Amino acid sequence: MPLYKTITVNPNTKVLIWKIEESYENLSEGISLTDHCRERVEGMKSDLHRRGFMSVRHLLAAAGYTDHDLYYDEVGKPHLTDDKHISITHSFIFSGIIISDAEVGIDIEKQRNKILKIAHKFTPIKEYRTLANDDAVMRKLTMVWGAKESLYKSFARKGVSFLEHIVVSDFDMDILESSAVVTYDDKEETYDVWFLEFEGFTCAYALIREAIPA
């Protein structure tokens, strides 16, 4: 399967999404892993996780990188050796990356009704009571969760709470974009956020707008 989707956010920021239809063996062909990543993928018990891991390496290749250009810091945040910023996501049969000159985050989520039961843990549910039906609420909550997940990945500080520290501005589901602010300790960051829906999944990706001392 070639790239499922490529999105040019701006001249310096690109999103790449892969639909995982190949076997692990096929995805492994032509991919050189670091020793650390080889140990990671070989230790995964789930075939789907292993395939997701390898599909991300194909996304890296599509962007002009190899696994050897990728490393992780002490909190598990990925980085590229050329100092560009990267964020990575994998959910069931889709994986995605976003690469930019600025701080970014990305998340893909499967749209599932169970999010209605946990909404109170990550967002004020009253904001969504005006929507027409449970399906619309589920879709919007999935977008908000994905946005907060992408921001959490970008901000990358232990102790950040989705409910208390990340605020996603309300948005029109027909427009599929918003803004968000993460505030924690002495740091505040503002992001622009975009959403994409496809085949029962939601992708949220965020690009930092500015950093403001709190």
C-alpha atoms as a PDB file:
ATOM      1  CA  MET A   1       0.000   0.000   0.000  1.00  0.00           C
ATOM      2  CA  PRO A   2       1.462   3.364  -0.962  1.00  0.00           C
ATOM      3  CA  LEU A   3       0.864   6.472   1.090  1.00  0.00           C
ATOM      4  CA  TYR A   4      -2.816   6.804   2.028  1.00  0.00           C
ATOM      5  CA  LYS A   5      -2.717  10.581   2.327  1.00  0.00           C
ATOM      6  CA  THR A   6      -0.249  13.480   2.287  1.00  0.00           C
ATOM      7  CA  ILE A   7      -1.192  16.901   3.638  1.00  0.00           C
ATOM      8  CA  THR A   8       0.932  20.010   3.189  1.00  0.00           C
ATOM      9  CA  VAL A   9       0.027  22.174   6.181  1.00  0.00           C
ATOM     10  CA  ASN A  10       2.450  24.911   5.114  1.00  0.00           C
ATOM     11  CA  PRO A  11       5.735  24.978   3.148  1.00  0.00           C
ATOM     12  CA  ASN A  12       7.626  23.676   6.215  1.00  0.00           C
ATOM     13  CA  THR A  13       5.071  21.234   7.659  1.00  0.00           C
ATOM     14  CA  LYS A  14       3.798  17.980   6.181  1.00  0.00           C
ATOM     15  CA  VAL A  15       1.503  15.174   7.380  1.00  0.00           C
ATOM     16  CA  LEU A  16       1.836  11.644   5.965  1.00  0.00           C
ATOM     17  CA  ILE A  17      -0.662   8.830   6.656  1.00  0.00           C
ATOM     18  CA  TRP A  18      -0.291   5.119   5.865  1.00  0.00           C
ATOM     19  CA  LYS A  19      -3.041   2.495   5.655  1.00  0.00           C
ATOM     20  CA  ILE A  20      -1.565  -0.747   6.960  1.00  0.00           C
ATOM     21  CA  GLU A  21      -2.573  -3.582   4.651  1.00  0.00           C
ATOM     22  CA  GLU A  22       0.779  -5.369   4.261  1.00  0.00           C
ATOM     23  CA  SER A  23       2.166  -8.192   6.354  1.00  0.00           C
ATOM     24  CA  TYR A  24       4.976  -7.549   8.817  1.00  0.00           C
ATOM     25  CA  GLU A  25       7.340  -9.417   6.502  1.00  0.00           C
ATOM     26  CA  ASN A  26       6.444  -7.248   3.526  1.00  0.00           C
ATOM     27  CA  LEU A  27       6.751  -4.068   5.572  1.00  0.00           C
ATOM     28  CA  SER A  28      10.182  -5.175   6.781  1.00  0.00           C
ATOM     29  CA  GLU A  29      11.592  -5.404   3.265  1.00  0.00           C
ATOM     30  CA  GLY A  30      14.088  -2.654   2.500  1.00  0.00           C
ATOM     31  CA  ILE A  31      13.925  -1.175   6.024  1.00  0.00           C
ATOM     32  CA  SER A  32      17.097  -0.871   8.127  1.00  0.00           C
ATOM     33  CA  LEU A  33      16.476  -0.531  11.861  1.00  0.00           C
ATOM     34  CA  THR A  34      18.775   0.603  14.637  1.00  0.00           C
ATOM     35  CA  ASP A  35      19.650  -2.090  17.158  1.00  0.00           C
ATOM     36  CA  HIS A  36      17.393  -0.405  19.720  1.00  0.00           C
ATOM     37  CA  CYS A  37      14.390  -0.319  17.394  1.00  0.00           C
ATOM     38  CA  ARG A  38      14.981  -3.875  16.220  1.00  0.00           C
ATOM     39  CA  GLU A  39      14.825  -5.020  19.844  1.00  0.00           C
ATOM     40  CA  ARG A  40      11.657  -2.974  20.366  1.00  0.00           C
ATOM     41  CA  VAL A  41       9.761  -4.382  17.405  1.00  0.00           C
ATOM     42  CA  GLU A  42      10.913  -7.956  18.013  1.00  0.00           C
ATOM     43  CA  GLY A  43       9.641  -7.677  21.593  1.00  0.00           C
ATOM     44  CA  MET A  44       6.124  -6.657  20.525  1.00  0.00           C
ATOM     45  CA  LYS A  45       3.550  -9.411  21.021  1.00  0.00           C
ATOM     46  CA  SER A  46       0.888  -7.838  18.803  1.00  0.00           C
ATOM     47  CA  ASP A  47       1.285  -8.351  15.057  1.00  0.00           C
ATOM     48  CA  LEU A  48      -0.711  -5.176  14.460  1.00  0.00           C
ATOM     49  CA  HIS A  49       1.666  -3.166  16.651  1.00  0.00           C
ATOM     50  CA  ARG A  50       4.655  -4.600  14.811  1.00  0.00           C
ATOM     51  CA  ARG A  51       3.097  -3.722  11.466  1.00  0.00           C
ATOM     52  CA  GLY A  52       2.286  -0.244  12.727  1.00  0.00           C
ATOM     53  CA  PHE A  53       5.863   0.220  13.878  1.00  0.00           C
ATOM     54  CA  MET A  54       7.240  -0.778  10.483  1.00  0.00           C
ATOM     55  CA  SER A  55       4.707   1.312   8.574  1.00  0.00           C
ATOM     56  CA  VAL A  56       6.024   4.379  10.380  1.00  0.00           C
ATOM     57  CA  ARG A  57       9.491   3.555   8.976  1.00  0.00           C
ATOM     58  CA  HIS A  58       7.962   3.638   5.483  1.00  0.00           C
ATOM     59  CA  LEU A  59       6.470   7.033   6.282  1.00  0.00           C
ATOM     60  CA  LEU A  60       9.918   8.200   7.362  1.00  0.00           C
ATOM     61  CA  ALA A  61      11.330   6.932   4.070  1.00  0.00           C
ATOM     62  CA  ALA A  62       8.643   8.807   2.142  1.00  0.00           C
ATOM     63  CA  ALA A  63       9.766  11.969   3.937  1.00  0.00           C
ATOM     64  CA  GLY A  64      13.419  11.323   3.127  1.00  0.00           C
ATOM     65  CA  TYR A  65      14.522   9.795   6.452  1.00  0.00           C
ATOM     66  CA  THR A  66      15.551   6.408   7.821  1.00  0.00           C
ATOM     67  CA  ASP A  67      15.151   4.841  11.239  1.00  0.00           C
ATOM     68  CA  HIS A  68      18.736   5.923  11.926  1.00  0.00           C
ATOM     69  CA  ASP A  69      17.637   9.577  11.671  1.00  0.00           C
ATOM     70  CA  LEU A  70      15.141   9.104  14.504  1.00  0.00           C
ATOM     71  CA  TYR A  71      15.856   9.120  18.218  1.00  0.00           C
ATOM     72  CA  TYR A  72      13.896   9.497  21.457  1.00  0.00           C
ATOM     73  CA  ASP A  73      14.613  11.682  24.471  1.00  0.00           C
ATOM     74  CA  GLU A  74      14.310  10.775  28.160  1.00  0.00           C
ATOM     75  CA  VAL A  75      10.517  11.275  28.185  1.00  0.00           C
ATOM     76  CA  GLY A  76      10.005   9.231  25.032  1.00  0.00           C
ATOM     77  CA  LYS A  77       9.481  12.114  22.639  1.00  0.00           C
ATOM     78  CA  PRO A  78      10.776  11.449  19.105  1.00  0.00           C
ATOM     79  CA  HIS A  79      13.298  13.743  17.398  1.00  0.00           C
ATOM     80  CA  LEU A  80      15.094  13.891  14.065  1.00  0.00           C
ATOM     81  CA  THR A  81      18.850  14.314  13.791  1.00  0.00           C
ATOM     82  CA  ASP A  82      18.501  17.320  11.443  1.00  0.00           C
ATOM     83  CA  ASP A  83      16.626  19.210  14.208  1.00  0.00           C
ATOM     84  CA  LYS A  84      13.281  19.162  12.443  1.00  0.00           C
ATOM     85  CA  HIS A  85      10.351  18.353  14.706  1.00  0.00           C
ATOM     86  CA  ILE A  86       8.399  15.107  14.364  1.00  0.00           C
ATOM     87  CA  SER A  87       5.402  13.456  15.969  1.00  0.00           C
ATOM     88  CA  ILE A  88       4.223   9.881  15.382  1.00  0.00           C
ATOM     89  CA  THR A  89       0.919   8.049  15.784  1.00  0.00           C
ATOM     90  CA  HIS A  90      -0.488   4.577  15.168  1.00  0.00           C
ATOM     91  CA  SER A  91      -4.064   3.335  15.617  1.00  0.00           C
ATOM     92  CA  PHE A  92      -5.243  -0.049  14.365  1.00  0.00           C
ATOM     93  CA  ILE A  93      -4.815   0.006  10.556  1.00  0.00           C
ATOM     94  CA  PHE A  94      -3.521   3.572  10.223  1.00  0.00           C
ATOM     95  CA  SER A  95      -0.271   5.262  11.133  1.00  0.00           C
ATOM     96  CA  GLY A  96       0.860   8.835  10.637  1.00  0.00           C
ATOM     97  CA  ILE A  97       3.682  11.290  11.107  1.00  0.00           C
ATOM     98  CA  ILE A  98       3.966  15.063  10.997  1.00  0.00           C
ATOM     99  CA  ILE A  99       7.296  16.785  10.314  1.00  0.00           C
ATOM    100  CA  SER A 100       7.933  20.517  10.624  1.00  0.00           C
ATOM    101  CA  ASP A 101      10.437  23.247  11.384  1.00  0.00           C
ATOM    102  CA  ALA A 102       8.261  24.057  14.444  1.00  0.00           C
ATOM    103  CA  GLU A 103       6.838  22.055  17.349  1.00  0.00           C
ATOM    104  CA  VAL A 104       4.091  19.681  16.213  1.00  0.00           C
ATOM    105  CA  GLY A 105       1.903  16.830  17.399  1.00  0.00           C
ATOM    106  CA  ILE A 106      -0.318  14.236  15.717  1.00  0.00           C
ATOM    107  CA  ASP A 107      -2.808  11.585  16.797  1.00  0.00           C
ATOM    108  CA  ILE A 108      -5.096   9.121  15.009  1.00  0.00           C
ATOM    109  CA  GLU A 109      -8.065   7.630  16.876  1.00  0.00           C
ATOM    110  CA  LYS A 110     -10.708   5.097  15.923  1.00  0.00           C
ATOM    111  CA  GLN A 111     -14.201   6.537  16.330  1.00  0.00           C
ATOM    112  CA  ARG A 112     -15.886   4.523  19.087  1.00  0.00           C
ATOM    113  CA  ASN A 113     -18.909   5.151  21.310  1.00  0.00           C
ATOM    114  CA  LYS A 114     -16.963   4.242  24.457  1.00  0.00           C
ATOM    115  CA  ILE A 115     -15.488   7.734  24.380  1.00  0.00           C
ATOM    116  CA  LEU A 116     -18.867   9.008  25.642  1.00  0.00           C
ATOM    117  CA  LYS A 117     -18.235   7.210  28.932  1.00  0.00           C
ATOM    118  CA  ILE A 118     -14.821   8.782  29.570  1.00  0.00           C
ATOM    119  CA  ALA A 119     -15.462  12.279  28.208  1.00  0.00           C
ATOM    120  CA  HIS A 120     -15.741  13.794  31.684  1.00  0.00           C
ATOM    121  CA  LYS A 121     -12.135  12.777  32.332  1.00  0.00           C
ATOM    122  CA  PHE A 122     -10.692  14.959  29.584  1.00  0.00           C
ATOM    123  CA  THR A 123     -13.159  17.735  28.685  1.00  0.00           C
ATOM    124  CA  PRO A 124     -16.228  19.596  30.049  1.00  0.00           C
ATOM    125  CA  ILE A 125     -19.016  17.450  28.563  1.00  0.00           C
ATOM    126  CA  LYS A 126     -21.577  20.279  28.759  1.00  0.00           C
ATOM    127  CA  GLU A 127     -19.905  21.841  25.730  1.00  0.00           C
ATOM    128  CA  TYR A 128     -21.333  19.080  23.511  1.00  0.00           C
ATOM    129  CA  ARG A 129     -24.945  18.787  24.689  1.00  0.00           C
ATOM    130  CA  THR A 130     -26.197  21.006  21.857  1.00  0.00           C
ATOM    131  CA  LEU A 131     -25.128  18.526  19.169  1.00  0.00           C
ATOM    132  CA  ALA A 132     -27.854  16.706  17.265  1.00  0.00           C
ATOM    133  CA  ASN A 133     -27.229  13.100  18.358  1.00  0.00           C
ATOM    134  CA  ASP A 134     -24.834  10.714  20.058  1.00  0.00           C
ATOM    135  CA  ASP A 135     -22.988  10.043  16.800  1.00  0.00           C
ATOM    136  CA  ALA A 136     -22.183  13.735  16.411  1.00  0.00           C
ATOM    137  CA  VAL A 137     -21.110  13.921  20.059  1.00  0.00           C
ATOM    138  CA  MET A 138     -18.899  10.862  19.622  1.00  0.00           C
ATOM    139  CA  ARG A 139     -17.256  12.332  16.537  1.00  0.00           C
ATOM    140  CA  LYS A 140     -16.568  15.664  18.203  1.00  0.00           C
ATOM    141  CA  LEU A 141     -15.290  14.119  21.408  1.00  0.00           C
ATOM    142  CA  THR A 142     -12.934  11.972  19.344  1.00  0.00           C
ATOM    143  CA  MET A 143     -11.624  15.124  17.676  1.00  0.00           C
ATOM    144  CA  VAL A 144     -11.091  16.817  21.042  1.00  0.00           C
ATOM    145  CA  TRP A 145      -9.371  13.747  22.496  1.00  0.00           C
ATOM    146  CA  GLY A 146      -7.126  13.497  19.426  1.00  0.00           C
ATOM    147  CA  ALA A 147      -6.274  17.181  19.659  1.00  0.00           C
ATOM    148  CA  LYS A 148      -5.354  16.874  23.323  1.00  0.00           C
ATOM    149  CA  GLU A 149      -3.323  13.739  22.660  1.00  0.00           C
ATOM    150  CA  SER A 150      -1.365  15.496  19.901  1.00  0.00           C
ATOM    151  CA  LEU A 151      -0.745  18.484  22.178  1.00  0.00           C
ATOM    152  CA  TYR A 152       0.341  16.231  25.033  1.00  0.00           C
ATOM    153  CA  LYS A 153       2.899  14.611  22.727  1.00  0.00           C
ATOM    154  CA  SER A 154       4.233  17.977  21.591  1.00  0.00           C
ATOM    155  CA  PHE A 155       4.334  19.627  25.019  1.00  0.00           C
ATOM    156  CA  ALA A 156       5.990  16.521  26.492  1.00  0.00           C
ATOM    157  CA  ARG A 157       6.029  17.286  30.194  1.00  0.00           C
ATOM    158  CA  LYS A 158       5.176  14.742  32.862  1.00  0.00           C
ATOM    159  CA  GLY A 159       2.177  15.675  34.966  1.00  0.00           C
ATOM    160  CA  VAL A 160       0.166  17.424  32.250  1.00  0.00           C
ATOM    161  CA  SER A 161      -3.574  16.742  32.622  1.00  0.00           C
ATOM    162  CA  PHE A 162      -5.864  16.614  29.585  1.00  0.00           C
ATOM    163  CA  LEU A 163      -8.696  18.065  31.685  1.00  0.00           C
ATOM    164  CA  GLU A 164      -6.836  20.681  33.710  1.00  0.00           C
ATOM    165  CA  HIS A 165      -3.983  21.878  31.509  1.00  0.00           C
ATOM    166  CA  ILE A 166      -5.073  21.511  27.862  1.00  0.00           C
ATOM    167  CA  VAL A 167      -7.914  23.675  26.515  1.00  0.00           C
ATOM    168  CA  VAL A 168      -9.223  23.174  22.977  1.00  0.00           C
ATOM    169  CA  SER A 169     -11.367  26.062  21.721  1.00  0.00           C
ATOM    170  CA  ASP A 170     -14.831  25.105  20.516  1.00  0.00           C
ATOM    171  CA  PHE A 171     -15.064  24.641  16.766  1.00  0.00           C
ATOM    172  CA  ASP A 172     -17.517  24.035  13.939  1.00  0.00           C
ATOM    173  CA  MET A 173     -17.408  20.409  12.802  1.00  0.00           C
ATOM    174  CA  ASP A 174     -17.919  21.547   9.214  1.00  0.00           C
ATOM    175  CA  ILE A 175     -14.709  23.596   9.361  1.00  0.00           C
ATOM    176  CA  LEU A 176     -12.589  21.014  11.197  1.00  0.00           C
ATOM    177  CA  GLU A 177     -10.003  23.314  12.698  1.00  0.00           C
ATOM    178  CA  SER A 178      -9.477  24.960  16.047  1.00  0.00           C
ATOM    179  CA  SER A 179      -6.884  26.404  18.398  1.00  0.00           C
ATOM    180  CA  ALA A 180      -5.659  25.183  21.751  1.00  0.00           C
ATOM    181  CA  VAL A 181      -3.578  26.264  24.716  1.00  0.00           C
ATOM    182  CA  VAL A 182      -1.447  24.124  27.006  1.00  0.00           C
ATOM    183  CA  THR A 183      -0.527  25.684  30.342  1.00  0.00           C
ATOM    184  CA  TYR A 184       1.609  23.866  32.873  1.00  0.00           C
ATOM    185  CA  ASP A 185       4.025  25.142  35.527  1.00  0.00           C
ATOM    186  CA  ASP A 186       5.974  28.042  33.996  1.00  0.00           C
ATOM    187  CA  LYS A 187       5.145  27.268  30.375  1.00  0.00           C
ATOM    188  CA  GLU A 188       2.260  28.186  28.065  1.00  0.00           C
ATOM    189  CA  GLU A 189       1.995  27.228  24.408  1.00  0.00           C
ATOM    190  CA  THR A 190      -0.652  28.083  21.818  1.00  0.00           C
ATOM    191  CA  TYR A 191      -1.362  25.791  18.875  1.00  0.00           C
ATOM    192  CA  ASP A 192      -3.418  25.685  15.721  1.00  0.00           C
ATOM    193  CA  VAL A 193      -5.197  22.347  15.339  1.00  0.00           C
ATOM    194  CA  TRP A 194      -6.729  20.638  12.300  1.00  0.00           C
ATOM    195  CA  PHE A 195      -8.918  17.536  11.994  1.00  0.00           C
ATOM    196  CA  LEU A 196      -9.413  14.920   9.312  1.00  0.00           C
ATOM    197  CA  GLU A 197     -11.963  12.065   9.255  1.00  0.00           C
ATOM    198  CA  PHE A 198     -11.604   8.928   7.135  1.00  0.00           C
ATOM    199  CA  GLU A 199     -12.905   5.343   7.223  1.00  0.00           C
ATOM    200  CA  GLY A 200     -14.188   5.613  10.801  1.00  0.00           C
ATOM    201  CA  PHE A 201     -10.995   7.240  12.114  1.00  0.00           C
ATOM    202  CA  THR A 202     -10.105  10.773  13.166  1.00  0.00           C
ATOM    203  CA  CYS A 203      -6.724  12.415  12.760  1.00  0.00           C
ATOM    204  CA  ALA A 204      -5.816  15.545  14.710  1.00  0.00           C
ATOM    205  CA  TYR A 205      -2.596  17.424  14.089  1.00  0.00           C
ATOM    206  CA  ALA A 206      -1.282  20.515  15.821  1.00  0.00           C
ATOM    207  CA  LEU A 207       1.295  23.170  15.007  1.00  0.00           C
ATOM    208  CA  ILE A 208       2.655  25.551  17.622  1.00  0.00           C
ATOM    209  CA  ARG A 209       1.722  29.184  17.114  1.00  0.00           C
ATOM    210  CA  GLU A 210       3.758  30.828  19.817  1.00  0.00           C
ATOM    211  CA  ALA A 211       5.406  30.212  23.178  1.00  0.00           C
ATOM    212  CA  ILE A 212       4.470  32.614  25.964  1.00  0.00           C
ATOM    213  CA  PRO A 213       6.105  32.735  29.404  1.00  0.00           C
ATOM    214  CA  ALA A 214       3.309  32.080  31.923  1.00  0.00           C
END
